[in-house]
N, C-alpha and C. Protein backbone atom coordinates (compact mmCIF):
# COMPACT_ATOMS: atom_id res chain seq x y z
N MET A 1 94.09 88.47 25.83
CA MET A 1 94.17 87.99 27.12
C MET A 1 95.57 88.31 27.91
N PHE A 2 95.65 88.54 29.12
CA PHE A 2 96.75 88.94 29.87
C PHE A 2 97.69 87.77 30.12
N ASP A 3 98.65 88.15 30.07
CA ASP A 3 99.78 86.94 30.73
C ASP A 3 99.82 87.19 32.17
N ILE A 4 99.47 86.16 32.87
CA ILE A 4 99.53 86.22 34.35
C ILE A 4 100.95 86.16 34.74
N GLY A 5 101.84 85.54 34.25
CA GLY A 5 103.11 85.53 34.56
C GLY A 5 103.90 86.72 34.24
N GLN A 6 103.57 87.47 33.41
CA GLN A 6 104.07 88.91 33.10
C GLN A 6 103.42 89.82 34.36
N ILE A 7 102.26 89.66 34.43
CA ILE A 7 101.53 90.57 35.66
C ILE A 7 102.13 90.45 36.84
N ASN A 8 102.67 89.08 37.15
CA ASN A 8 103.15 88.88 38.47
C ASN A 8 104.72 89.27 38.43
N ILE A 9 105.51 89.02 37.31
CA ILE A 9 106.67 89.69 37.37
C ILE A 9 106.62 91.43 37.32
N LEU A 10 105.53 92.17 36.80
CA LEU A 10 105.77 93.65 37.12
C LEU A 10 105.65 93.85 38.30
N SER A 11 104.35 93.17 38.99
CA SER A 11 104.30 93.22 40.33
C SER A 11 105.36 93.18 41.70
N VAL A 12 106.39 92.55 41.14
CA VAL A 12 107.47 92.01 41.61
C VAL A 12 108.37 93.24 41.78
N GLU A 13 108.55 93.67 40.42
CA GLU A 13 109.31 94.71 39.82
C GLU A 13 108.73 95.91 40.61
N ALA A 14 107.56 96.24 40.72
CA ALA A 14 107.07 97.46 41.58
C ALA A 14 107.37 97.49 42.81
N ILE A 15 107.11 96.10 43.48
CA ILE A 15 107.73 96.13 45.01
C ILE A 15 108.82 96.41 45.01
N TYR A 16 109.71 95.85 44.37
CA TYR A 16 111.01 95.91 44.66
C TYR A 16 111.59 97.45 44.34
N ARG A 17 110.95 98.17 43.37
CA ARG A 17 111.54 99.46 43.37
C ARG A 17 111.02 100.24 44.58
N ALA A 18 109.84 100.05 45.05
CA ALA A 18 109.19 100.74 46.21
C ALA A 18 110.23 100.68 47.30
N PHE A 19 110.44 99.29 47.55
CA PHE A 19 111.30 99.00 48.58
C PHE A 19 112.61 99.57 48.53
N THR A 20 113.13 99.36 47.25
CA THR A 20 114.59 100.28 47.21
C THR A 20 114.54 101.75 47.32
N THR A 21 113.43 102.27 46.81
CA THR A 21 113.26 103.60 46.73
C THR A 21 112.96 104.06 48.30
N TYR A 22 112.32 103.41 49.03
CA TYR A 22 112.06 103.69 50.48
C TYR A 22 112.94 103.34 51.67
N MET A 23 113.80 102.08 51.20
CA MET A 23 114.57 101.66 52.07
C MET A 23 115.46 102.77 52.77
N PRO A 24 116.22 103.56 51.97
CA PRO A 24 116.79 104.61 52.73
C PRO A 24 116.22 105.39 53.95
N ASN A 25 114.78 105.77 53.36
CA ASN A 25 114.04 106.54 54.27
C ASN A 25 113.81 105.63 55.47
N ILE A 26 113.53 104.67 55.41
CA ILE A 26 113.20 103.65 56.56
C ILE A 26 114.29 103.33 57.33
N ILE A 27 115.46 103.31 56.89
CA ILE A 27 116.69 103.16 57.64
C ILE A 27 117.07 104.51 58.57
N GLY A 28 117.04 105.67 57.44
CA GLY A 28 117.17 107.12 58.19
C GLY A 28 116.19 107.12 59.50
N THR A 29 114.66 106.92 59.35
CA THR A 29 113.92 106.70 60.36
C THR A 29 114.12 106.21 61.47
N LEU A 30 114.85 104.72 61.45
CA LEU A 30 115.09 103.86 62.60
C LEU A 30 116.13 104.67 63.26
N ILE A 31 117.08 105.03 62.23
CA ILE A 31 118.38 105.72 63.19
C ILE A 31 117.85 106.95 63.78
N ILE A 32 116.93 107.73 63.14
CA ILE A 32 116.50 109.17 64.23
C ILE A 32 115.64 108.68 65.31
N LEU A 33 115.09 107.50 65.25
CA LEU A 33 114.24 107.13 66.53
C LEU A 33 115.40 106.62 67.53
N ALA A 34 116.34 105.83 67.05
CA ALA A 34 117.39 105.56 68.12
C ALA A 34 118.10 106.63 68.80
N VAL A 35 118.44 107.76 67.78
CA VAL A 35 119.21 108.65 68.28
C VAL A 35 118.52 109.69 69.43
N GLY A 36 117.14 109.77 68.77
CA GLY A 36 116.23 110.62 69.57
C GLY A 36 116.08 109.85 71.36
N TRP A 37 116.00 108.61 70.99
CA TRP A 37 115.82 107.88 72.40
C TRP A 37 116.64 108.17 73.07
N VAL A 38 118.07 107.88 72.71
CA VAL A 38 119.16 108.23 73.48
C VAL A 38 119.32 109.55 74.09
N ILE A 39 119.33 110.54 73.09
CA ILE A 39 119.41 111.84 73.21
C ILE A 39 118.33 112.57 74.55
N GLY A 40 117.06 111.83 74.40
CA GLY A 40 116.13 112.07 75.16
C GLY A 40 116.23 111.56 76.83
N ARG A 41 116.75 110.24 76.85
CA ARG A 41 117.23 109.76 78.32
C ARG A 41 118.42 110.37 78.82
N VAL A 42 119.34 110.86 77.86
CA VAL A 42 120.57 111.58 78.50
C VAL A 42 120.24 113.01 78.88
N LEU A 43 119.55 113.74 77.86
CA LEU A 43 119.11 115.21 78.55
C LEU A 43 118.12 115.30 79.50
N GLY A 44 117.12 114.15 79.15
CA GLY A 44 116.25 114.49 80.69
C GLY A 44 116.98 114.12 82.03
N SER A 45 118.02 113.11 81.92
CA SER A 45 118.71 112.78 83.30
C SER A 45 119.69 114.10 83.53
N ILE A 46 120.19 114.73 82.43
CA ILE A 46 120.81 115.82 82.95
C ILE A 46 120.17 117.08 83.65
N ILE A 47 118.94 117.10 83.07
CA ILE A 47 117.98 118.44 83.58
C ILE A 47 117.43 117.81 84.89
N GLY A 48 117.08 116.64 84.87
CA GLY A 48 116.91 116.16 86.32
C GLY A 48 117.60 116.41 87.39
N ARG A 49 118.63 116.30 87.16
CA ARG A 49 120.07 116.52 88.14
C ARG A 49 120.16 117.95 88.53
N ILE A 50 119.99 118.55 87.42
CA ILE A 50 120.41 120.24 87.91
C ILE A 50 119.15 120.89 88.37
N VAL A 51 117.92 120.33 88.38
CA VAL A 51 116.85 120.78 89.02
C VAL A 51 116.62 120.40 90.58
N SER A 52 117.28 118.94 90.50
CA SER A 52 117.50 118.58 92.05
C SER A 52 118.49 119.32 93.16
N ARG A 53 119.70 119.45 92.30
CA ARG A 53 120.44 120.39 92.88
C ARG A 53 120.30 121.74 93.27
N THR A 54 119.19 122.35 92.51
CA THR A 54 118.51 123.78 93.05
C THR A 54 117.44 123.80 94.13
N GLY A 55 117.13 122.64 94.46
CA GLY A 55 116.40 122.50 95.56
C GLY A 55 114.95 122.90 95.00
N ALA A 56 114.43 122.67 93.94
CA ALA A 56 113.36 123.10 93.43
C ALA A 56 112.13 122.42 93.91
N ASP A 57 112.26 121.25 95.05
CA ASP A 57 111.19 120.78 95.62
C ASP A 57 110.56 121.81 96.44
N MET A 58 111.13 122.38 97.10
CA MET A 58 110.97 123.63 98.17
C MET A 58 109.70 124.86 97.43
N SER A 59 110.32 124.85 96.11
CA SER A 59 109.40 126.08 95.54
C SER A 59 108.28 125.46 94.95
N PHE A 60 108.01 124.04 94.55
CA PHE A 60 107.09 123.24 94.22
C PHE A 60 105.90 123.08 95.16
N ARG A 61 106.82 122.90 96.51
CA ARG A 61 105.48 122.96 97.54
C ARG A 61 105.05 124.17 97.93
N ARG A 62 105.47 125.49 97.53
CA ARG A 62 104.57 126.45 97.63
C ARG A 62 103.83 126.87 96.78
N ALA A 63 103.74 126.07 95.40
CA ALA A 63 102.61 126.45 94.67
C ALA A 63 101.71 125.52 94.63
N SER A 64 100.42 125.74 94.21
CA SER A 64 99.29 124.95 93.97
C SER A 64 99.60 123.74 93.03
N VAL A 65 100.24 124.30 91.90
CA VAL A 65 100.44 123.57 90.80
C VAL A 65 101.58 122.26 90.96
N GLY A 66 102.64 122.91 91.80
CA GLY A 66 103.62 122.00 92.36
C GLY A 66 103.09 121.02 93.33
N ARG A 67 102.32 121.58 94.05
CA ARG A 67 101.82 120.47 95.21
C ARG A 67 101.01 119.44 94.69
N ALA A 68 100.44 119.65 93.43
CA ALA A 68 99.43 118.86 92.75
C ALA A 68 100.51 117.84 91.92
N ILE A 69 101.55 118.38 91.40
CA ILE A 69 102.72 117.08 90.95
C ILE A 69 103.27 116.47 91.85
N LEU A 70 103.59 116.98 93.11
CA LEU A 70 104.22 116.31 94.32
C LEU A 70 103.12 115.01 94.60
N ARG A 71 101.79 115.46 94.71
CA ARG A 71 100.85 114.50 95.17
C ARG A 71 100.60 113.37 94.11
N ALA A 72 100.87 113.60 92.85
CA ALA A 72 101.02 112.82 91.78
C ALA A 72 102.19 111.82 91.53
N GLY A 73 103.08 111.98 92.66
CA GLY A 73 104.28 111.11 92.67
C GLY A 73 105.56 111.38 92.01
N TYR A 74 105.54 112.81 91.77
CA TYR A 74 106.54 113.30 91.04
C TYR A 74 107.19 114.31 91.82
N THR A 75 108.75 114.21 92.22
CA THR A 75 109.61 115.37 92.70
C THR A 75 109.71 116.25 91.65
N ALA A 76 110.25 117.53 91.79
CA ALA A 76 110.38 118.51 90.82
C ALA A 76 111.47 117.74 89.91
N SER A 77 112.57 117.28 90.35
CA SER A 77 113.64 116.60 89.18
C SER A 77 112.76 115.59 88.44
N ASP A 78 112.12 114.71 89.02
CA ASP A 78 111.23 113.56 88.15
C ASP A 78 110.52 114.39 87.33
N PHE A 79 109.64 115.38 87.75
CA PHE A 79 108.83 116.04 86.73
C PHE A 79 109.43 116.78 85.36
N SER A 80 110.64 117.19 85.87
CA SER A 80 111.70 118.09 84.78
C SER A 80 112.08 116.77 84.01
N ARG A 81 112.64 115.85 84.45
CA ARG A 81 113.27 114.86 83.55
C ARG A 81 112.20 114.11 82.66
N THR A 82 111.08 113.70 83.01
CA THR A 82 110.16 113.06 82.20
C THR A 82 109.38 114.00 81.33
N VAL A 83 109.34 115.52 81.54
CA VAL A 83 108.69 116.18 80.57
C VAL A 83 109.86 116.41 79.69
N THR A 84 111.33 116.70 79.96
CA THR A 84 112.24 116.68 79.06
C THR A 84 112.19 115.65 77.89
N LYS A 85 112.34 114.32 78.36
CA LYS A 85 112.33 113.03 77.96
C LYS A 85 111.16 113.29 76.79
N TRP A 86 110.02 113.28 77.34
CA TRP A 86 108.80 113.10 76.24
C TRP A 86 109.10 114.39 75.14
N ILE A 87 109.21 115.41 75.71
CA ILE A 87 109.40 116.35 74.36
C ILE A 87 110.33 116.14 73.35
N ILE A 88 111.65 115.49 73.87
CA ILE A 88 112.71 114.97 73.08
C ILE A 88 111.90 113.75 72.17
N TYR A 89 111.18 112.89 72.63
CA TYR A 89 110.78 111.84 72.10
C TYR A 89 109.70 112.05 70.84
N LEU A 90 108.84 113.30 71.35
CA LEU A 90 107.79 113.57 70.66
C LEU A 90 108.33 114.25 69.27
N ILE A 91 109.45 115.07 69.77
CA ILE A 91 110.05 115.69 68.34
C ILE A 91 110.74 114.65 67.45
N THR A 92 111.27 113.45 68.23
CA THR A 92 112.05 112.47 67.33
C THR A 92 110.98 111.77 66.51
N ILE A 93 109.79 111.34 67.13
CA ILE A 93 108.91 110.92 66.48
C ILE A 93 108.39 111.47 65.15
N LEU A 94 108.06 112.76 65.26
CA LEU A 94 107.80 113.64 64.24
C LEU A 94 108.77 113.84 63.27
N LEU A 95 109.97 113.76 63.62
CA LEU A 95 111.20 113.95 62.68
C LEU A 95 111.18 112.69 61.62
N ALA A 96 110.81 111.43 62.47
CA ALA A 96 111.18 110.31 61.84
C ALA A 96 110.22 110.13 60.75
N LEU A 97 108.77 110.35 61.22
CA LEU A 97 107.55 110.35 60.09
C LEU A 97 107.96 111.29 59.08
N GLN A 98 108.45 112.51 59.38
CA GLN A 98 108.86 113.28 58.26
C GLN A 98 109.80 112.73 57.17
N ASN A 99 110.74 112.29 57.84
CA ASN A 99 111.88 111.71 57.07
C ASN A 99 111.08 110.53 55.93
N LEU A 100 110.28 109.76 56.22
CA LEU A 100 109.45 108.90 55.52
C LEU A 100 109.24 109.71 53.94
N SER A 101 108.91 111.01 54.01
CA SER A 101 108.88 111.58 52.89
C SER A 101 107.54 111.56 52.26
N VAL A 102 106.39 111.16 53.28
CA VAL A 102 105.06 111.10 52.49
C VAL A 102 104.50 112.15 52.57
N PRO A 103 103.96 113.08 51.22
CA PRO A 103 103.60 114.42 51.27
C PRO A 103 102.81 114.78 52.17
N VAL A 104 101.62 114.23 52.72
CA VAL A 104 100.41 114.41 53.57
C VAL A 104 100.85 114.69 54.89
N ILE A 105 101.71 113.75 55.30
CA ILE A 105 102.30 113.48 56.66
C ILE A 105 103.38 114.42 57.03
N SER A 106 104.22 115.01 55.73
CA SER A 106 105.31 115.97 56.05
C SER A 106 104.84 117.16 56.08
N THR A 107 103.98 117.42 55.42
CA THR A 107 103.24 118.82 55.29
C THR A 107 102.77 119.08 56.98
N THR A 108 101.79 117.99 57.42
CA THR A 108 101.09 118.22 58.68
C THR A 108 102.17 118.25 59.63
N ILE A 109 103.18 117.35 59.86
CA ILE A 109 104.24 117.33 60.99
C ILE A 109 104.99 118.58 60.97
N GLN A 110 105.24 119.12 59.62
CA GLN A 110 106.04 120.51 59.40
C GLN A 110 105.53 121.66 60.18
N ASN A 111 104.20 121.92 59.73
CA ASN A 111 103.22 122.95 60.68
C ASN A 111 103.41 122.35 61.95
N PHE A 112 103.15 121.16 62.77
CA PHE A 112 103.30 120.84 64.04
C PHE A 112 104.53 121.48 64.56
N LEU A 113 105.64 121.03 64.08
CA LEU A 113 107.14 121.35 64.36
C LEU A 113 106.99 122.80 64.41
N ASN A 114 106.68 123.34 63.58
CA ASN A 114 106.94 124.93 63.53
C ASN A 114 106.00 125.73 64.69
N TYR A 115 104.86 124.84 65.21
CA TYR A 115 104.04 125.37 66.52
C TYR A 115 104.58 124.87 67.66
N LEU A 116 105.24 124.00 67.55
CA LEU A 116 105.63 123.35 69.02
C LEU A 116 106.44 124.34 69.94
N PRO A 117 107.32 124.66 69.23
CA PRO A 117 108.10 125.77 70.49
C PRO A 117 107.22 126.63 71.09
N ASN A 118 105.85 127.14 70.67
CA ASN A 118 105.08 128.01 71.26
C ASN A 118 104.42 127.23 72.25
N VAL A 119 104.09 125.88 72.20
CA VAL A 119 103.63 125.29 73.13
C VAL A 119 104.45 124.88 74.41
N ILE A 120 105.69 124.68 73.96
CA ILE A 120 106.63 124.41 75.15
C ILE A 120 106.86 125.80 76.08
N ILE A 121 107.24 126.71 75.08
CA ILE A 121 107.08 128.13 76.13
C ILE A 121 106.06 128.42 76.98
N ALA A 122 104.71 128.32 76.03
CA ALA A 122 103.40 128.39 76.92
C ALA A 122 103.74 127.46 78.05
N PHE A 123 104.09 126.28 77.90
CA PHE A 123 103.93 125.57 79.09
C PHE A 123 104.83 125.82 80.13
N ILE A 124 106.08 126.31 80.09
CA ILE A 124 107.01 126.65 80.86
C ILE A 124 106.54 128.13 81.42
N ILE A 125 105.66 129.15 80.80
CA ILE A 125 105.56 130.28 81.37
C ILE A 125 104.19 130.15 82.33
N PHE A 126 103.64 129.10 82.04
CA PHE A 126 102.42 128.68 82.90
C PHE A 126 102.94 127.79 84.31
N ILE A 127 103.89 127.08 84.07
CA ILE A 127 104.59 126.70 85.37
C ILE A 127 105.20 127.57 86.27
N ALA A 128 105.89 128.27 85.50
CA ALA A 128 106.81 129.12 86.25
C ALA A 128 105.78 130.70 87.02
N GLY A 129 105.03 130.95 85.95
CA GLY A 129 104.15 131.72 86.27
C GLY A 129 103.25 131.39 87.67
N SER A 130 102.68 130.06 87.66
CA SER A 130 102.06 129.80 88.65
C SER A 130 102.62 129.70 89.97
N ILE A 131 103.76 129.19 90.12
CA ILE A 131 104.70 129.26 90.94
C ILE A 131 105.24 130.48 91.57
N LEU A 132 105.49 131.51 91.01
CA LEU A 132 105.85 132.93 91.10
C LEU A 132 104.40 133.34 91.74
N SER A 133 103.26 133.24 91.21
CA SER A 133 102.09 133.57 91.63
C SER A 133 101.57 133.38 93.31
N ASP A 134 102.00 132.01 93.10
CA ASP A 134 101.61 131.38 94.79
C ASP A 134 102.59 132.03 95.78
N TRP A 135 103.72 132.06 95.27
CA TRP A 135 104.77 132.58 96.04
C TRP A 135 104.72 133.90 96.63
N ALA A 136 104.28 134.88 95.49
CA ALA A 136 104.08 136.19 95.94
C ALA A 136 102.92 136.41 96.78
N GLY A 137 101.79 135.76 96.65
CA GLY A 137 100.74 135.69 97.67
C GLY A 137 100.90 135.29 98.91
N GLU A 138 101.70 134.20 98.82
CA GLU A 138 102.01 133.56 100.48
C GLU A 138 102.99 134.74 101.13
N SER A 139 104.04 135.17 100.32
CA SER A 139 104.90 136.07 100.91
C SER A 139 103.98 137.17 101.57
N ILE A 140 103.11 137.94 100.41
CA ILE A 140 102.28 138.95 101.39
C ILE A 140 101.47 138.45 102.59
N LYS A 141 101.14 137.31 102.45
CA LYS A 141 100.17 137.02 103.75
C LYS A 141 101.02 136.89 104.90
N LYS A 142 102.39 136.71 104.73
CA LYS A 142 103.12 136.52 106.04
C LYS A 142 103.97 137.58 105.98
N SER A 143 103.94 138.81 105.43
CA SER A 143 105.00 139.65 105.41
C SER A 143 104.83 140.88 106.63
N PHE A 144 103.90 140.51 107.33
CA PHE A 144 103.75 141.38 108.81
C PHE A 144 103.32 140.41 109.74
N THR A 145 103.18 141.25 111.25
CA THR A 145 102.68 140.52 112.36
C THR A 145 101.38 140.11 112.26
N ALA A 146 101.18 138.99 112.67
CA ALA A 146 99.82 138.17 112.37
C ALA A 146 98.71 138.61 113.49
N GLU A 147 98.32 139.76 113.49
CA GLU A 147 97.43 140.48 114.14
C GLU A 147 95.90 139.99 113.90
N SER A 148 95.10 139.83 114.47
CA SER A 148 93.65 139.11 113.94
C SER A 148 93.16 140.38 112.82
N ASN A 149 93.07 141.68 113.16
CA ASN A 149 92.51 142.32 111.88
C ASN A 149 93.53 142.34 110.89
N GLN A 150 94.68 142.80 111.00
CA GLN A 150 95.68 142.87 110.09
C GLN A 150 96.00 141.48 109.27
N GLU A 151 95.54 140.60 109.99
CA GLU A 151 96.01 139.07 108.89
C GLU A 151 94.78 138.98 108.21
N GLN A 152 93.48 139.34 108.17
CA GLN A 152 92.63 139.12 107.70
C GLN A 152 92.69 139.93 106.24
N TYR A 153 93.01 141.07 106.47
CA TYR A 153 93.21 142.18 105.23
C TYR A 153 94.56 141.64 104.47
N LEU A 154 95.55 141.00 105.04
CA LEU A 154 96.80 140.40 104.47
C LEU A 154 96.36 139.55 103.44
N ASN A 155 95.40 138.29 104.30
CA ASN A 155 95.23 137.26 103.47
C ASN A 155 94.36 137.61 102.37
N LEU A 156 93.35 138.37 102.39
CA LEU A 156 92.48 139.14 101.23
C LEU A 156 93.60 139.64 100.09
N PHE A 157 94.31 140.44 100.57
CA PHE A 157 95.26 141.18 99.71
C PHE A 157 95.98 140.25 98.91
N GLY A 158 96.55 139.26 99.66
CA GLY A 158 97.38 138.08 99.11
C GLY A 158 96.91 137.21 98.10
N GLU A 159 95.55 137.00 98.31
CA GLU A 159 94.90 136.32 97.62
C GLU A 159 94.35 136.97 96.15
N GLY A 160 94.16 138.38 96.38
CA GLY A 160 93.79 139.50 95.03
C GLY A 160 95.15 139.48 94.18
N VAL A 161 96.36 139.15 95.05
CA VAL A 161 97.57 139.53 94.18
C VAL A 161 97.86 138.16 93.27
N LYS A 162 97.39 137.00 94.02
CA LYS A 162 97.83 135.56 93.27
C LYS A 162 96.64 135.54 92.19
N ILE A 163 95.97 136.05 92.26
CA ILE A 163 94.48 135.84 91.27
C ILE A 163 95.14 136.80 90.09
N ILE A 164 95.47 138.03 90.25
CA ILE A 164 95.66 138.84 89.28
C ILE A 164 96.88 138.23 88.50
N LEU A 165 97.97 137.94 89.33
CA LEU A 165 99.35 137.30 88.68
C LEU A 165 98.99 135.94 87.90
N TYR A 166 97.94 134.97 88.44
CA TYR A 166 97.65 133.72 87.64
C TYR A 166 97.01 134.28 86.28
N PHE A 167 96.16 135.52 86.36
CA PHE A 167 95.26 135.97 85.07
C PHE A 167 96.30 136.54 84.21
N VAL A 168 97.46 137.18 84.94
CA VAL A 168 98.32 137.60 83.59
C VAL A 168 99.40 136.51 83.22
N THR A 169 99.75 135.27 83.79
CA THR A 169 100.18 134.19 83.43
C THR A 169 99.33 133.41 82.34
N ILE A 170 98.18 133.24 82.81
CA ILE A 170 97.51 132.46 81.68
C ILE A 170 97.24 133.45 80.46
N THR A 171 97.07 134.57 80.56
CA THR A 171 97.05 135.68 79.46
C THR A 171 98.17 135.59 78.60
N ILE A 172 99.35 135.60 79.12
CA ILE A 172 100.66 135.61 78.43
C ILE A 172 100.99 134.20 77.53
N ALA A 173 100.60 132.88 78.63
CA ALA A 173 100.57 131.73 77.85
C ALA A 173 99.60 131.85 76.57
N LEU A 174 98.36 131.88 76.77
CA LEU A 174 97.53 132.05 75.66
C LEU A 174 97.90 132.70 74.58
N SER A 175 98.51 134.18 74.98
CA SER A 175 99.20 134.74 73.73
C SER A 175 100.04 134.03 73.04
N GLN A 176 101.23 133.23 73.76
CA GLN A 176 102.27 132.55 73.09
C GLN A 176 101.65 131.56 72.42
N LEU A 177 100.39 131.01 72.54
CA LEU A 177 100.18 129.76 71.69
C LEU A 177 99.26 130.46 70.45
N GLY A 178 99.21 131.72 70.12
CA GLY A 178 98.87 132.37 69.25
C GLY A 178 97.05 132.48 69.37
N ILE A 179 96.61 132.26 70.37
CA ILE A 179 95.11 132.45 70.62
C ILE A 179 94.65 134.08 70.77
N ASP A 180 93.71 134.27 70.23
CA ASP A 180 93.09 135.48 70.23
C ASP A 180 92.47 135.78 71.31
N ILE A 181 93.14 136.92 72.60
CA ILE A 181 92.82 137.25 73.53
C ILE A 181 91.78 138.42 73.98
N THR A 182 91.33 138.79 72.75
CA THR A 182 90.91 139.97 73.01
C THR A 182 89.81 140.18 73.90
N ILE A 183 89.02 138.96 73.80
CA ILE A 183 87.61 138.61 75.10
C ILE A 183 88.33 138.77 76.29
N ILE A 184 89.36 138.28 76.36
CA ILE A 184 89.93 138.25 77.94
C ILE A 184 90.13 139.61 78.11
N TYR A 185 90.84 140.60 77.27
CA TYR A 185 91.29 141.85 77.64
C TYR A 185 89.63 142.41 77.95
N ILE A 186 88.67 142.50 77.43
CA ILE A 186 87.20 142.94 77.48
C ILE A 186 87.00 142.25 78.94
N ILE A 187 87.01 141.35 79.48
CA ILE A 187 86.70 140.73 80.56
C ILE A 187 87.59 141.27 81.68
N ALA A 188 88.75 141.35 81.41
CA ALA A 188 89.67 141.94 82.62
C ALA A 188 89.36 143.25 82.89
N THR A 189 89.35 144.36 81.64
CA THR A 189 88.61 145.54 81.72
C THR A 189 87.45 145.58 82.76
N ALA A 190 86.58 144.99 82.28
CA ALA A 190 85.27 145.07 83.42
C ALA A 190 85.57 144.46 84.55
N PHE A 191 86.45 143.44 84.80
CA PHE A 191 86.64 143.04 86.20
C PHE A 191 87.44 144.17 86.99
N SER A 192 88.30 144.55 86.30
CA SER A 192 89.18 145.62 86.91
C SER A 192 88.51 146.84 87.07
N TRP A 193 87.46 147.30 86.47
CA TRP A 193 86.51 148.47 87.07
C TRP A 193 85.67 147.71 88.13
N SER A 194 85.25 146.77 87.95
CA SER A 194 84.62 146.24 89.25
C SER A 194 85.26 146.32 90.50
N ILE A 195 86.54 145.73 90.39
CA ILE A 195 87.47 145.85 91.71
C ILE A 195 87.59 147.07 92.07
N ALA A 196 87.80 148.04 91.28
CA ALA A 196 88.09 149.55 91.56
C ALA A 196 86.93 150.16 92.12
N ILE A 197 85.90 149.87 91.64
CA ILE A 197 84.70 150.27 92.54
C ILE A 197 84.48 149.90 93.89
N ALA A 198 84.43 148.41 93.97
CA ALA A 198 84.37 147.50 95.25
C ALA A 198 85.22 148.11 96.01
N VAL A 199 86.70 148.30 95.83
CA VAL A 199 87.67 148.82 96.64
C VAL A 199 87.33 150.18 97.21
N GLY A 200 87.07 150.90 96.15
CA GLY A 200 86.75 152.51 96.52
C GLY A 200 85.44 152.46 97.37
N VAL A 201 84.36 151.85 97.42
CA VAL A 201 83.18 151.63 98.16
C VAL A 201 83.81 151.33 99.65
N ALA A 202 84.60 150.04 99.35
CA ALA A 202 84.80 149.57 100.75
C ALA A 202 85.92 150.53 101.56
N THR A 203 86.62 151.07 100.88
CA THR A 203 87.65 152.10 101.42
C THR A 203 87.05 153.19 102.09
N GLY A 204 85.66 153.74 101.59
CA GLY A 204 84.86 154.92 102.19
C GLY A 204 84.40 154.19 103.11
N ILE A 205 83.84 152.78 103.01
CA ILE A 205 83.11 152.47 104.46
C ILE A 205 83.86 152.41 105.57
N VAL A 206 85.05 151.70 105.35
CA VAL A 206 86.02 151.72 106.21
C VAL A 206 86.55 152.97 106.96
N LEU A 207 86.93 154.10 106.14
CA LEU A 207 87.28 155.32 106.75
C LEU A 207 86.10 155.88 107.29
N GLY A 208 85.00 155.97 106.65
CA GLY A 208 83.79 156.23 107.34
C GLY A 208 83.78 155.66 108.99
N TRP A 209 83.76 154.62 109.06
CA TRP A 209 83.67 153.69 110.11
C TRP A 209 84.78 154.18 111.24
N VAL A 210 85.73 153.98 110.75
CA VAL A 210 87.25 154.12 111.75
C VAL A 210 87.20 155.80 112.23
N LEU A 211 86.88 156.93 111.09
CA LEU A 211 86.90 157.93 111.19
C LEU A 211 85.82 158.72 112.06
N LYS A 212 84.70 158.13 112.21
CA LYS A 212 83.53 158.70 112.99
C LYS A 212 83.68 159.31 114.16
N ASP A 213 84.46 158.28 115.02
CA ASP A 213 84.60 158.46 116.37
C ASP A 213 85.69 159.50 116.51
N ARG A 214 86.63 159.47 115.60
CA ARG A 214 87.82 160.63 115.67
C ARG A 214 87.14 161.97 115.39
N VAL A 215 86.42 161.99 114.22
CA VAL A 215 85.82 163.37 113.97
C VAL A 215 84.92 163.79 115.16
N ARG A 216 84.17 162.94 115.88
CA ARG A 216 83.49 163.24 117.12
C ARG A 216 84.54 164.04 117.99
N GLU A 217 85.66 163.33 118.09
CA GLU A 217 86.39 163.83 119.37
C GLU A 217 87.00 165.06 118.88
N TRP A 218 87.40 165.26 117.71
CA TRP A 218 87.79 166.51 117.07
C TRP A 218 86.92 167.58 117.39
N LEU A 219 85.75 167.31 116.97
CA LEU A 219 84.58 168.58 117.21
C LEU A 219 84.44 168.76 118.64
N GLN A 220 84.49 167.98 119.42
CA GLN A 220 84.19 168.07 120.99
C GLN A 220 85.35 168.68 121.34
N GLN A 221 86.60 168.52 121.07
CA GLN A 221 87.79 169.33 121.44
C GLN A 221 87.84 170.69 120.90
N GLY A 222 87.50 170.90 119.56
CA GLY A 222 87.25 172.16 119.41
C GLY A 222 86.35 173.26 119.81
N ARG A 223 84.92 172.53 120.28
CA ARG A 223 83.99 173.11 121.07
C ARG A 223 84.63 173.51 122.57
N ARG A 224 85.75 172.71 123.16
CA ARG A 224 85.81 173.03 124.45
C ARG A 224 87.03 174.16 124.28
N GLU A 225 87.67 174.08 123.26
CA GLU A 225 88.71 175.27 123.15
C GLU A 225 87.90 176.69 123.07
N GLU A 226 86.94 176.32 122.33
CA GLU A 226 86.12 177.55 121.99
C GLU A 226 85.59 178.33 123.08
N THR A 227 85.13 177.45 124.23
CA THR A 227 84.56 177.82 125.72
C THR A 227 85.50 178.43 126.27
N ARG A 228 86.84 177.89 126.30
CA ARG A 228 87.82 178.52 126.66
C ARG A 228 88.03 180.11 126.40
């Protein structure tokens, strides 16, 4: 027969040993959370002020991604401050969980922490590339006088440059995430050949249409000179 009193004593001792074993980890976890919270708020505030002083709101208004962020109620400084804070908070939570020294959790979190820099860099590349793509496209559209025929071609060319730069941005971001982009290269190659053929055909048609009258004038002028 089992002695119930002895079992209770053993249970209490096991709980006490577990408590004393994990208490330092629990205290360390709480300290990590507190320090991370402070660092997140301070660093987020600093980044927000820096972005605000650079006048990045104007750059945001020129980009479709930036305009979407502004419509959501965030200025460039608010967005930068919020993103910075939550990145710090996320890293803090992961480090706090890892500090508990639970094998399964620690391994998973370590793998994620190793991958997290790639996610952050890919995010920065996408935001910066989107702003640059829109800025380049709009600059091309406004680079010459706005004559009716010229403006049409410039708008088309500007949109083409924007699409190409967006494609490059997304490709670089996906590559940074470690995603296999072989299929994207295949699609890009086929797309490039399609554009090249279309541009060649369009150029031939335009040149033919523009030069047909000139060629006729040259031929008539040559005949008049021969008759003289």
